[in-house]
Every structure is written in structure tokens, then in C-alpha cells.
Amino acid sequence: MIQQVLSYNPTGKTFLALEHSGQNGSSPIQGILVLLKKGELDIVKSFSAQQVSGIPDLQKSLHKVSLAITDDNVLVKEVNNINSDGEVLSDAFPNLNLEDFYYQVLKTQNKSFVAVCRKQYVDELIDNYQKEGITVTDVSLGNLKAASIVTYIRNDELITNSGVIQLQNGEIVTILPKNDALELLYSIDGLSVNSAHLLSLSLIIDALSPQAVITGNIEEKNAHLQKQYQEVSFFKKALQYGVGFLLITLLINFFVFNSKYKKWQGLQEEIQVYTNQNESIKKQQSVVLTKEAIVNSILTTGFSKSSFYMDQIVQSLPTSVLLKSFTYQPISKTIRADKPISIKEHTVSVTGTSIDKANFTVWLNTIEHLDFVNTVTIINYGTSTNNTSSFEITIDLADDTTK
């Protein structure tokens, strides 16, 4: 099911999600690294760390991280109110100063779950990750994002690293703190994941295909983090491209200067040679002009015919076939100074590429049924590594008159 839900997402992307917890004596940081390729998720690595600096170097090399904060600095309450966020907050935490706190609200059919945390703590935690080269672009509070994975769980109880979540009819009914070190192994559509990393996986699934509506003023912080990340990424890419462009420009200038200098030296040496060979050049020019006149004559007499034949043949051309050349009465032998130009009369040579052999065969049959065509001969048809076949065919014309 996860593969079907994510089938529209880009392939070959790697995602990292972290849970910052440390409850019940467990490691403060639980992380999971997931690869999305060809619409399927694959868990590359899951890990635990005692501190931010202990996160494996492989994960540090990534640029974007989703972070869930579930330690004792986050307070979670449930209220029997599904009205506006303001009313829900008033019921859960009366007189809460939103200038000092971030909050998130998850609403079900009958109740709301509210998670709050001081802004100062969240901002300092993000800075700590940033100092270790880990860029946090999305922050969530408590176990609320676990709502994105409940549709893939058939149990009535969902255990994460820091919470115990009771489910009923595919909805969360209670979120309780976890009071023991119990760990379970879940199988989610072919993915085996430990309960300690279940919330981290939920963050990735929510980022790719949100399954639950979660609101709150922390989304403003997330938008700021995303914008900051995009600006830094743009600056880095612009700097890389700028330095690369400068180096390429200097390299081109060097080669141009070197080439011009060598040409100047060569010209000095060739002046004398050209003077002595002036008569020979004039004779060669005469030969070229003669051949050019012959070629122009061929092109003039054959232009209207080739245009007609090409128009008739191209009309039936399928989209899976791409033409490279269309030559009417091609030259049959190498042109020599002492030999007349030999052409294949009443013949059209066509080359190109095809990605569908069946459509290619139908196209050849269509050409053979044209009034002015005798036969179609396949000279070459070969398949390359990228499923694209190059071909060459010759068309024997039955009638050499313009229609």
C-alpha cells in the first residue's frame, strides 16, 4: 500500500528522520534513513545515538532532516473539543502565551490532541543540530505525526519509542507516555521496523504523502526553515556554478590564446608554401566548381520529387520513430576526381531510430502500399542498451514522375 501511495513521488531520493527523546533511559536520539526508489520505500539504516555529535557520518552528509521532539520538554494533552485551534488550546492549556510556545493540534472525529513546547528550547535544539552539520527543515511535537502511519497498522495499539497509542477504527483515541523499555517489531507493507524507529518512519511518510491534518504555529517555523534551506542551497549552487564558470572561462581563454599563437606561427610558415602552390590551388578550385555544378543539377532535378516522397512517407510516421536522414537518389560510390558521380536512381535512403519494433513494422507495411513504392528493404536494425533501435532502410520507387 505504501508503494502505491508513494508511486507518484520522485525516485532515487534519500530521507532522514530523527526522534529526539531520551525517555525511560533510552538513547536520546532515534533515527532512520530511508530510500525512495521507483515508488518503493527501502530502509537503508536505523540507528540510535546518545548525543547529536554521535549521529553516524553517513547521515551527517545529508542536507534535510525531519525532527520529532518527544522529550520531557513537550507536553501533550487531549480534549473533547474539535472546534478552532484557539478553542482547543484554551481547553488544553488555559492562558498559554503563544509568544513563548510552539504548538501542534491533531483532530479526530471526537477529540483533539495538543502538543506544546517552549520556542526557546526548540530553537536551541535546532541550532545544536545545525552546529553538527545537520539541517533540520521540519519539526513536529510529541507523537502526533504517528497519525500518518496508523492506516498501515492493523493492531489496536501502536508503540513508539516514547509513547503508547491506542487505536479504534483507524483513529487515535489516546496517546500515553511509554513507561517501559518494551520494543516491538512491526511489518508495514513489507518493511520491518522496530517500534523505537516507528515515529521516525512516520515523519518520512507524512512528508511524502500526508495522511493526517496537523495544524499549529510551528508550521510557521517549518516554513522559515524550508525557506532558509532553499536560500542556502541556492547560494551554494550559485557559488559552485560561478567558480566552475570562472575556471572554464580561464581555461577557454588559455586554449584560445595558445591556439591563436600557434596559428600565427603556422601562418608565417605557410605564406611561402601558398605562394608556390597558387597554381595548384586554382586547378583544384576548378575541379570543385565542376563537381558542385553536377551536385546542384542533381538537387535541382530531384528536389520536387524528394519533397513529395518525403511528405507521403512522413505522414504515416509513428511517434515512436525518429528520422535522422532522408536521401533521395543517394550517391552509390565515393566521389573521385577521375570518375563520374554515381547515384542510386529511383531509390530513397532513410535512417533513424525506433523505440517500438511493432510500430516500426506497421510503418514499413504502410510505405510498401504507397503507389510509388515497389519494395522496402531493411539494411540495418540494431538495438542499443537504452532500448532504442537504430535502423536504415531503402525504398525502391516504382514511378519516377512527380505527383
Protein backbone atom coordinates (compact mmCIF):
# COMPACT_ATOMS: atom_id res chain seq x y z
CA MET A 1 0.00 0.00 0.00
CA ILE A 2 2.83 2.40 0.84
CA GLN A 3 4.31 1.78 -2.59
CA GLN A 4 1.00 2.65 -4.23
CA VAL A 5 0.58 5.81 -2.18
CA LEU A 6 4.11 6.98 -2.99
CA SER A 7 4.16 5.90 -6.63
CA TYR A 8 3.98 9.47 -7.88
CA ASN A 9 6.97 10.66 -5.86
CA PRO A 10 10.43 11.18 -7.41
CA THR A 11 12.73 8.17 -7.44
CA GLY A 12 16.16 7.79 -6.02
CA LYS A 13 15.72 10.19 -3.07
CA THR A 14 17.07 9.60 0.42
CA PHE A 15 15.22 10.80 3.53
CA LEU A 16 16.42 11.07 7.13
CA ALA A 17 14.14 11.45 10.16
CA LEU A 18 15.11 11.75 13.83
CA GLU A 19 13.24 11.48 17.13
CA HIS A 20 14.77 13.48 19.98
CA SER A 21 13.50 11.74 23.11
CA GLY A 22 15.61 10.15 25.83
CA GLN A 23 12.67 8.94 27.92
CA ASN A 24 12.78 5.82 30.10
CA GLY A 25 16.57 5.61 29.94
CA SER A 26 16.64 5.06 26.15
CA SER A 27 19.03 6.78 23.77
CA PRO A 28 18.07 10.44 23.30
CA ILE A 29 18.13 10.17 19.50
CA GLN A 30 16.46 7.54 17.32
CA GLY A 31 16.98 7.83 13.58
CA ILE A 32 16.06 6.11 10.34
CA LEU A 33 17.42 6.52 6.82
CA VAL A 34 15.01 5.61 4.00
CA LEU A 35 15.49 5.41 0.24
CA LEU A 36 12.58 6.10 -2.12
CA LYS A 37 13.27 4.49 -5.49
CA LYS A 38 10.81 3.64 -8.25
CA GLY A 39 7.88 4.36 -5.95
CA GLU A 40 9.04 1.97 -3.21
CA LEU A 41 10.46 2.68 0.24
CA ASP A 42 13.51 0.83 1.49
CA ILE A 43 15.02 1.23 4.96
CA VAL A 44 18.73 1.79 4.43
CA LYS A 45 19.69 2.11 8.08
CA SER A 46 18.21 2.68 11.54
CA PHE A 47 20.33 3.82 14.46
CA SER A 48 20.43 5.25 17.97
CA ALA A 49 22.74 7.94 19.35
CA GLN A 50 23.42 9.33 22.81
CA GLN A 51 24.04 12.86 21.51
CA VAL A 52 23.84 14.88 18.32
CA SER A 53 27.56 14.52 17.64
CA GLY A 54 27.15 10.74 17.79
CA ILE A 55 24.90 10.54 14.72
CA PRO A 56 26.72 8.43 12.07
CA ASP A 57 28.75 10.34 9.49
CA LEU A 58 26.66 8.89 6.66
CA GLN A 59 23.61 10.68 7.99
CA LYS A 60 25.51 13.91 8.62
CA SER A 61 26.26 14.17 4.91
CA LEU A 62 22.56 14.61 4.16
CA HIS A 63 21.10 18.09 3.90
CA LYS A 64 17.46 17.84 5.01
CA VAL A 65 16.19 16.26 8.22
CA SER A 66 12.72 15.84 9.77
CA LEU A 67 12.81 16.06 13.57
CA ALA A 68 10.24 14.96 16.16
CA ILE A 69 10.74 16.22 19.73
CA THR A 70 9.25 13.87 22.33
CA ASP A 71 11.30 14.50 25.46
CA ASP A 72 10.07 15.94 28.77
CA ASN A 73 10.07 19.48 27.35
CA VAL A 74 6.99 18.60 25.27
CA LEU A 75 3.57 18.50 26.96
CA VAL A 76 0.69 16.61 25.33
CA LYS A 77 -2.99 16.76 26.32
CA GLU A 78 -6.23 15.53 24.83
CA VAL A 79 -9.51 17.44 24.99
CA ASN A 80 -13.05 16.66 23.87
CA ASN A 81 -13.15 19.65 21.58
CA ILE A 82 -12.71 19.72 17.80
CA ASN A 83 -13.50 23.37 17.21
CA SER A 84 -10.95 26.01 16.21
CA ASP A 85 -7.33 25.73 17.32
CA GLY A 86 -7.85 28.70 19.63
CA GLU A 87 -10.70 26.99 21.49
CA VAL A 88 -8.82 23.70 21.67
CA LEU A 89 -5.75 25.45 23.09
CA SER A 90 -7.86 27.28 25.68
CA ASP A 91 -9.31 23.97 26.89
CA ALA A 92 -5.97 22.16 26.97
CA PHE A 93 -3.66 24.92 28.21
CA PRO A 94 -5.54 27.98 29.51
CA ASN A 95 -3.63 31.27 29.37
CA LEU A 96 -0.90 29.77 27.16
CA ASN A 97 1.36 32.54 25.82
CA LEU A 98 1.84 31.78 22.13
CA GLU A 99 4.73 34.23 22.00
CA ASP A 100 6.73 31.74 24.08
CA PHE A 101 5.34 28.37 22.91
CA TYR A 102 5.07 26.35 19.73
CA TYR A 103 2.01 24.10 19.46
CA GLN A 104 0.52 21.43 17.21
CA VAL A 105 -3.04 20.11 17.12
CA LEU A 106 -4.24 16.75 15.79
CA LYS A 107 -8.02 16.43 15.50
CA THR A 108 -10.03 13.23 15.23
CA GLN A 109 -13.81 12.87 14.93
CA ASN A 110 -14.40 13.32 18.66
CA LYS A 111 -11.34 14.86 20.27
CA SER A 112 -8.17 16.84 19.78
CA PHE A 113 -4.59 16.15 20.84
CA VAL A 114 -2.46 19.19 21.65
CA ALA A 115 1.35 19.24 21.99
CA VAL A 116 3.25 22.33 23.17
CA CYS A 117 6.92 23.18 23.74
CA ARG A 118 8.83 26.37 24.54
CA LYS A 119 10.15 28.15 21.46
CA GLN A 120 13.49 28.81 23.12
CA TYR A 121 14.10 25.09 23.64
CA VAL A 122 13.08 24.15 20.09
CA ASP A 123 15.26 26.87 18.56
CA GLU A 124 18.28 25.91 20.67
CA LEU A 125 17.83 22.24 19.76
CA ILE A 126 17.72 23.08 16.04
CA ASP A 127 20.90 25.16 16.46
CA ASN A 128 22.64 22.21 18.16
CA TYR A 129 21.88 20.00 15.16
CA GLN A 130 22.97 22.75 12.78
CA LYS A 131 26.36 23.00 14.51
CA GLU A 132 26.91 19.32 13.70
CA GLY A 133 26.15 19.90 10.03
CA ILE A 134 22.58 18.57 10.20
CA THR A 135 19.99 20.86 8.62
CA VAL A 136 16.54 20.48 10.19
CA THR A 137 13.78 21.57 7.80
CA ASP A 138 10.71 20.17 9.58
CA VAL A 139 9.89 19.97 13.31
CA SER A 140 6.97 18.18 14.99
CA LEU A 141 5.99 17.84 18.65
CA GLY A 142 5.16 14.66 20.52
CA ASN A 143 3.81 11.57 18.78
CA LEU A 144 1.18 13.40 16.72
CA LYS A 145 2.83 12.54 13.38
CA ALA A 146 2.26 8.85 14.17
CA ALA A 147 -1.24 9.50 12.80
CA SER A 148 0.28 9.23 9.30
CA ILE A 149 1.09 5.56 9.79
CA VAL A 150 -1.98 4.25 11.64
CA THR A 151 -3.68 3.32 8.35
CA TYR A 152 -0.91 0.78 7.76
CA ILE A 153 -1.22 -0.77 11.26
CA ARG A 154 -3.86 -3.43 11.95
CA ASN A 155 -3.23 -3.56 15.69
CA ASP A 156 -5.36 -1.74 18.26
CA GLU A 157 -2.21 -0.46 19.94
CA LEU A 158 0.77 1.31 18.47
CA ILE A 159 4.02 1.52 20.45
CA THR A 160 6.70 4.06 19.55
CA ASN A 161 9.98 4.90 21.23
CA SER A 162 8.28 7.33 23.61
CA GLY A 163 4.56 6.63 23.55
CA VAL A 164 1.74 4.11 23.59
CA ILE A 165 -1.06 4.97 21.16
CA GLN A 166 -4.49 3.35 21.38
CA LEU A 167 -6.37 2.99 18.07
CA GLN A 168 -10.01 2.44 17.23
CA ASN A 169 -11.49 2.25 13.74
CA GLY A 170 -8.30 3.64 12.24
CA GLU A 171 -8.20 6.68 14.54
CA ILE A 172 -6.11 7.61 17.53
CA VAL A 173 -8.15 7.56 20.75
CA THR A 174 -5.37 8.02 23.34
CA ILE A 175 -1.70 8.95 23.41
CA LEU A 176 0.05 7.90 26.62
CA PRO A 177 3.70 8.18 27.65
CA LYS A 178 5.66 4.96 27.46
CA ASN A 179 6.74 3.77 30.92
CA ASP A 180 8.95 0.82 29.98
CA ALA A 181 11.69 -0.17 27.53
CA LEU A 182 9.46 -2.57 25.57
CA GLU A 183 10.28 -2.74 21.86
CA LEU A 184 8.25 -4.47 19.16
CA LEU A 185 8.92 -5.28 15.52
CA TYR A 186 6.30 -4.02 13.06
CA SER A 187 5.85 -5.18 9.48
CA ILE A 188 4.41 -2.40 7.38
CA ASP A 189 3.72 -3.39 3.80
CA GLY A 190 6.93 -5.37 3.56
CA LEU A 191 9.02 -3.00 5.69
CA SER A 192 10.29 -4.37 9.01
CA VAL A 193 10.77 -1.55 11.50
CA ASN A 194 11.48 -1.55 15.23
CA SER A 195 9.00 0.36 17.40
CA ALA A 196 11.86 2.62 18.51
CA HIS A 197 12.07 3.97 14.96
CA LEU A 198 8.35 3.89 14.11
CA LEU A 199 7.77 7.60 14.76
CA SER A 200 10.80 8.50 12.62
CA LEU A 201 9.34 6.45 9.75
CA SER A 202 6.00 8.24 10.26
CA LEU A 203 7.75 11.59 9.71
CA ILE A 204 9.03 10.43 6.32
CA ILE A 205 5.67 9.01 5.23
CA ASP A 206 3.96 12.23 6.32
CA ALA A 207 6.46 14.30 4.32
CA LEU A 208 5.86 12.23 1.18
CA SER A 209 2.11 11.62 1.50
CA PRO A 210 0.37 13.31 4.45
CA GLN A 211 -2.31 11.06 5.95
CA ALA A 212 -3.40 13.35 8.81
CA VAL A 213 -4.19 17.06 9.15
CA ILE A 214 -1.99 18.58 11.85
CA THR A 215 -2.07 22.33 12.45
CA GLY A 216 -0.24 24.76 14.69
CA ASN A 217 2.02 27.79 14.81
CA ILE A 218 5.09 25.56 14.49
CA GLU A 219 4.26 25.38 10.79
CA GLU A 220 5.46 28.99 10.55
CA LYS A 221 8.79 27.84 11.96
CA ASN A 222 8.90 24.98 9.47
CA ALA A 223 8.19 27.35 6.59
CA HIS A 224 11.06 29.56 7.78
CA LEU A 225 13.40 26.55 7.99
CA GLN A 226 12.43 25.45 4.49
CA LYS A 227 13.00 28.93 3.08
CA GLN A 228 16.33 29.20 4.87
CA TYR A 229 17.40 25.83 3.49
CA GLN A 230 16.40 26.82 -0.05
CA GLU A 231 18.29 30.11 0.18
CA VAL A 232 21.45 28.41 1.46
CA SER A 233 21.17 25.70 -1.19
CA PHE A 234 20.70 28.31 -3.90
CA PHE A 235 23.73 30.27 -2.67
CA LYS A 236 25.89 27.13 -2.57
CA LYS A 237 24.83 26.07 -6.05
CA ALA A 238 25.31 29.59 -7.41
CA LEU A 239 28.78 29.73 -5.84
CA GLN A 240 29.70 26.34 -7.29
CA TYR A 241 28.42 27.27 -10.72
CA GLY A 242 30.16 30.65 -10.52
CA VAL A 243 33.53 29.16 -9.62
CA GLY A 244 33.10 26.49 -12.26
CA PHE A 245 32.18 29.08 -14.89
CA LEU A 246 35.20 31.20 -13.96
CA LEU A 247 37.57 28.23 -14.24
CA ILE A 248 36.06 27.18 -17.56
CA THR A 249 36.36 30.74 -18.88
CA LEU A 250 40.03 30.93 -17.87
CA LEU A 251 40.66 27.54 -19.45
CA ILE A 252 38.94 28.56 -22.67
CA ASN A 253 40.95 31.79 -22.78
CA PHE A 254 44.16 29.82 -22.35
CA PHE A 255 43.32 27.42 -25.15
CA VAL A 256 42.17 30.25 -27.43
CA PHE A 257 45.38 32.21 -26.83
CA ASN A 258 47.51 29.11 -27.33
CA SER A 259 45.61 28.22 -30.47
CA LYS A 260 45.89 31.73 -31.92
CA TYR A 261 49.60 31.86 -31.20
CA LYS A 262 50.19 28.51 -32.90
CA LYS A 263 48.07 29.59 -35.84
CA TRP A 264 50.13 32.77 -36.19
CA GLN A 265 53.32 30.73 -36.27
CA GLY A 266 51.79 28.34 -38.76
CA LEU A 267 50.62 31.17 -41.00
CA GLN A 268 54.11 32.60 -41.15
CA GLU A 269 55.41 29.26 -42.36
CA GLU A 270 52.56 28.70 -44.80
CA ILE A 271 52.82 32.02 -46.62
CA GLN A 272 55.72 30.76 -48.69
CA VAL A 273 54.02 27.42 -49.30
CA TYR A 274 50.81 29.09 -50.52
CA THR A 275 52.79 31.27 -52.89
CA ASN A 276 54.41 28.28 -54.54
CA GLN A 277 51.19 26.28 -54.72
CA ASN A 278 48.96 29.03 -56.13
CA GLU A 279 48.64 27.37 -59.50
CA SER A 280 47.77 24.02 -57.96
CA ILE A 281 45.04 25.61 -55.85
CA LYS A 282 43.45 27.19 -58.92
CA LYS A 283 43.29 23.79 -60.59
CA GLN A 284 41.66 22.24 -57.51
CA GLN A 285 39.10 25.06 -57.41
CA SER A 286 38.19 24.32 -60.99
CA VAL A 287 37.58 20.66 -60.12
CA VAL A 288 35.45 21.60 -57.11
CA LEU A 289 33.33 24.02 -59.15
CA THR A 290 32.72 21.32 -61.74
CA LYS A 291 31.56 18.82 -59.10
CA GLU A 292 29.44 21.46 -57.41
CA ALA A 293 27.67 22.15 -60.68
CA ILE A 294 26.92 18.44 -61.05
CA VAL A 295 25.57 18.18 -57.50
CA ASN A 296 23.40 21.29 -57.95
CA SER A 297 22.00 19.79 -61.10
CA ILE A 298 21.07 16.60 -59.25
CA LEU A 299 19.49 18.53 -56.39
CA THR A 300 17.54 20.79 -58.77
CA THR A 301 16.02 17.94 -60.72
CA GLY A 302 15.28 15.82 -57.67
CA PHE A 303 14.05 18.42 -55.19
CA SER A 304 10.37 18.36 -56.07
CA LYS A 305 10.37 14.55 -56.19
CA SER A 306 12.16 14.13 -52.87
CA SER A 307 9.81 16.65 -51.25
CA PHE A 308 6.79 14.72 -52.47
CA TYR A 309 8.15 11.33 -51.40
CA MET A 310 9.21 12.63 -48.02
CA ASP A 311 5.79 14.22 -47.43
CA GLN A 312 4.00 10.94 -48.25
CA ILE A 313 6.31 8.81 -46.10
CA VAL A 314 6.41 11.15 -43.10
CA GLN A 315 2.58 11.38 -42.98
CA SER A 316 2.47 7.79 -41.73
CA LEU A 317 5.46 8.18 -39.39
CA PRO A 318 4.59 6.93 -35.84
CA THR A 319 5.69 8.92 -32.78
CA SER A 320 7.99 6.06 -31.72
CA VAL A 321 10.17 6.55 -34.84
CA LEU A 322 12.62 9.45 -35.20
CA LEU A 323 14.21 10.13 -38.61
CA LYS A 324 17.86 11.13 -38.89
CA SER A 325 18.26 11.35 -42.69
CA PHE A 326 16.11 11.16 -45.84
CA THR A 327 18.17 10.96 -49.04
CA TYR A 328 16.63 10.86 -52.50
CA GLN A 329 18.84 9.11 -55.08
CA PRO A 330 21.84 8.72 -52.74
CA ILE A 331 25.40 8.58 -54.06
CA SER A 332 26.38 4.94 -54.54
CA LYS A 333 30.16 5.28 -54.66
CA THR A 334 32.85 7.50 -53.23
CA ILE A 335 33.33 10.61 -55.35
CA ARG A 336 36.66 10.63 -57.19
CA ALA A 337 38.24 13.24 -59.36
CA ASP A 338 38.73 10.85 -62.28
CA LYS A 339 35.35 9.12 -62.04
CA PRO A 340 31.78 10.27 -62.79
CA ILE A 341 29.39 10.67 -59.88
CA SER A 342 27.29 7.52 -59.49
CA ILE A 343 23.85 7.67 -57.85
CA LYS A 344 21.18 5.08 -57.00
CA GLU A 345 18.32 6.09 -59.25
CA HIS A 346 14.69 5.56 -58.21
CA THR A 347 15.84 4.97 -54.61
CA VAL A 348 15.28 6.68 -51.26
CA SER A 349 17.58 6.00 -48.29
CA VAL A 350 16.14 6.58 -44.79
CA THR A 351 17.91 6.30 -41.42
CA GLY A 352 16.68 6.92 -37.88
CA THR A 353 15.84 5.39 -34.52
CA SER A 354 12.83 3.44 -33.17
CA ILE A 355 11.66 2.60 -29.64
CA ASP A 356 8.81 0.30 -30.68
CA LYS A 357 9.50 -2.53 -33.12
CA ALA A 358 5.80 -3.24 -33.68
CA ASN A 359 5.05 0.36 -34.73
CA PHE A 360 8.18 0.29 -36.92
CA THR A 361 6.94 -2.81 -38.76
CA VAL A 362 3.48 -1.28 -39.30
CA TRP A 363 5.11 1.85 -40.70
CA LEU A 364 7.15 -0.20 -43.22
CA ASN A 365 3.99 -2.00 -44.36
CA THR A 366 2.28 1.36 -44.85
CA ILE A 367 5.17 2.61 -47.01
CA GLU A 368 5.11 -0.54 -49.17
CA HIS A 369 1.44 0.12 -50.00
CA LEU A 370 2.15 3.62 -51.37
CA ASP A 371 1.50 3.91 -55.12
CA PHE A 372 5.05 4.97 -55.99
CA VAL A 373 6.82 2.28 -53.92
CA ASN A 374 7.95 -1.10 -55.22
CA THR A 375 9.72 -2.54 -52.19
CA VAL A 376 11.12 -1.56 -48.80
CA THR A 377 14.39 -3.20 -47.75
CA ILE A 378 15.76 -3.17 -44.18
CA ILE A 379 19.51 -2.61 -44.45
CA ASN A 380 20.13 -2.47 -40.70
CA TYR A 381 18.12 -2.73 -37.48
CA GLY A 382 20.01 -2.92 -34.20
CA THR A 383 19.05 -2.45 -30.52
CA SER A 384 21.25 -0.34 -28.24
CA THR A 385 21.49 -0.53 -24.43
CA ASN A 386 18.77 2.06 -23.85
CA ASN A 387 16.05 0.12 -25.79
CA THR A 388 16.42 2.48 -28.76
CA SER A 389 16.96 0.74 -32.11
CA SER A 390 18.81 2.40 -34.96
CA PHE A 391 17.77 1.48 -38.47
CA GLU A 392 18.50 2.03 -42.13
CA ILE A 393 16.07 1.21 -44.95
CA THR A 394 16.00 1.72 -48.70
CA ILE A 395 12.82 2.35 -50.67
CA ASP A 396 12.71 1.24 -54.30
CA LEU A 397 10.48 3.67 -56.24
CA ALA A 398 8.11 2.37 -58.88
CA ASP A 399 7.41 5.69 -60.54
CA ASP A 400 9.92 8.50 -61.04
CA THR A 401 7.40 11.16 -62.03
CA THR A 402 6.24 13.98 -59.77
CA LYS A 403 2.70 13.51 -58.50
